[in-house]
Amino acid sequence: MGKLEKGVGTGKTESVVRDELLECLLGVASIHDHQASADAIVGGLPLENGRLIPSLMPRAAARAGMAARLVKARITQLNEALLPAILLLEPGRACILLSLNETDHSAQVIFPGLTQASVAVNLDRLVEAYSGHALYIRPRLNYKPKDAEISSDKQQHWFWGAIRENRPLYRDIVLGSFLINLFALGMPLFALNVYDRVVPNHTTETLWVLVLGVAIVICLDLVMRLMRNTFIDMAASRADIKVSSRLMSHVLSMRMEAKSGSTGSMASTLQSFESVRAFIGSATVISMVDLPFSLLFVSIIGLICPPLVLPLLVGIVFVLLYALAAQGKLHDLSSKTWEVSAQRNAMLIESLGSLETVKALRAESRLQRLWEKNSAFLSRTSAQLKLVSSSVSSVAMWAQNSVGVSIIVIGVYQIIQGDLTQGGLIASYMLSSRAMGPISQAAALLAQYHQSSTALSSLNEMMEKPTERDRQASFVNRPTIQGEITFDKVSLQYPDEMRTALRDVSITIRPGEKVALLGRIGSGKSTLNKLLLGLYQPSSGAVRLDGLDIRQMDPSQLRRYLGYVPQDVALFRGTLRENILATRVDRDVDDEVLLRALEISGLNGLVKQHPDGIDLQVGERGAMLSGGQRQSVAIARAVVHDPAILMLDEPTSAMDHASEEAFKKQLAGYVQGKTLMLVTHRTALLSLVERIIVMDNGQVVADGPRDQVVEALRRGQIGGAR
């Protein structure tokens, strides 16, 4: 506890470190009459050690309908019109500043966890604990005219929005490029004056004056180039961090029905951002900024000797026409290359994820044939793409050299006629290289453009898919639930499937009721769990929790109340502890809670016997554990946050009889007062429930007390379950 709180005498001790930034944000939101839950605010954010950090506050505040801005200022400099504000104190600590009273030299603050609404503290003590940074938290304006909303959507484009946020840096880059191109005139003018004035007149004094001037220009050019490259890298780095974050956040929050294609194809789409990032790198920015200055150099050559402009203009037009002519071929090849690369990547990820199955089924030959077929096609298209791309660069270089030769030839005739000096010819030749350079570079970049354009189009398509949290949605905050579940005339058809998974299903489960779902494979039992989790939206009807449509609840808060054990258990590479606590937003869990989860799941024996204990490695997807052990981890993961509703989908299908009996005994005590939805084909677990629902072909065919339904099934009076 901090010294400021001790001064107001709370006398409260905590075994778990608090997330004070989160509590302060919730407090400020409450002051502004914004209802928000901790789960809705932090769900999906990249927390550090399970807690908010100042850099995440703008994103966290946005989820509460607020806007946050981090400022560096003394407490007395804070704008009182913008209070309340969050003060950052010693590391990890924070408080809410309500008001300042300089008359009695005090401040009215709220400390997280205090029983009092607010307390007065001495301003000197507050200043002593203050880190010098504060967060202004203000409500966002909800009203926007329609046109403004459209404009806002354009500004918030996931990619171009991040680029636009660096406008000050790009402004400095343009200014630096302008100066660099002006400095580029130094060497041609130096050569012109040396050959036309110094050499004929043997004026060495003038030579050294010119040398001094050009030396200053060269040094300034070096400084400006270094600064420009630094700004370009800074802008690219900032945009990269923001865009990468937005991409991953969108993928993780994408609705399941919006997910199309294979996992490998999606991974390939995400990896394609590398080509976009490379395209907006230094070469692109420099080329685009330098391109307008080609006209400046052409104009100066025209002032020196107008006939020398002709070959330069011909060369520029020729390069641009050739580059444009190659665009159609480049576009086709880029699209084919990306498509085949995505297919190959999808096959690779699928093969690596099921390598044991591949070996057991002797499927290596088939996969090897598909890999080599895709690789051969990819190799051919890549070679063609590189050939066309390199031809553009080669033609641009040939044109640049040809223009240089033409200028020298025409210049010689102009010198003979007395219309041009030797210095003017040398200066014009040097300026022609500066004029053609950006043109050649731009032509080469046109070849890369289609690769990046194809990747950006794929990423745009992915980023346009709907997410679980609509930016305009306002969720209802439910701090607690009773556990009543209602499926009201629910139907569901999975994307890209002709068959209807559920048809007009109506079920009501009372709070604390224990229900088993029975039925044949594919009858829709697991689909009910997925609908309750909000993973899929029903095609018609509604799913309600305590009478509230779950679409009105934030997904993170909804799933906070649900403990889910899937039929196919997926574990993450890491330790057993990390996998069990994967569902916890905060990783500070009392040992008693963790031990209780281990006991219920039956993992306590494994933990005691293994030398690493709860920190044992589970391997990729839990490969170092048996099927039954993976199910036990999933059970521990489901109960560690003490949900009000427990959803078990074949939780013991991979367990032996002894493990199943031990789990059943533990579960019987744990589910007292909780709602239980149990999907199983194991009759031994039916003693845990008091009601059975039988499903067949996506419909409810029987629903009643356990003993009556079991007897009806035994007599064959109900179809659809075995």
Foldseek 3Di string as FASTA:
>chain_A
DDPQVVVVPQPDDDPFQDQFVLLQLCLVLVVVVQDDDSLQQCPLPPDDLLHDDPVCVQSSLLSSQKGKDKDFAQPVPDDLVLDQKWFDFPPSAIWTWHAADVVQQWTWIGGPPGPDPIDITHNVVVRVRTPRMMMRMGGDDLDDPPVVVVVVVVCVPLQVVLLVVLVVLLVLLLVLLVLLLVLLLLVLVLLLCCQPPCVVVVPVVVNVVSVVVNVVSVVSNVVSVVSSLVSQVVSLVSSVVSSLSLLVSLVVQFFPLLDDDFPLLVVLLSVLVVLVSVLSGDLNSSLVSLQVCLVVLLVVLCVQPVVLSVLLVVLLVVLVVLLVVLLVVLLVLLLVLSVLVSVLRRLVVVCVVPVVVCVVVVVPVVSVVSNVVSVVVNVVSVVVLVVSLVVSLVSLVVSLVVSLVVLLVVQVVCVVVVSHGPSSSSSSSSSSCSSSVSSSSVSSSSSSVSNSVSSVVSSSSSSPGDGLDDSSARADDDPDAQFKKWFAQFWADRPPDPATLAGGATDIDGRLAAEEEFFDPSLNQVVVVCVQLVSDPTPDTAMDGNRHGCSRHSSSVSCLQEQEQDPQFFAAWFFLLCRLCVNPSNSRADPVLLVLLCQLLVVQVVQVPDPVRRRDTLPHRSPNDFPSVSLSSSSSSRPSSPHQEYEYAASCVRPDPVSVVSNLVSVLVSSRRGYYYHYHLDPVNLVSHQKYWYGGSNYTFDIDGDVVVVVCVVVVVTPGGD
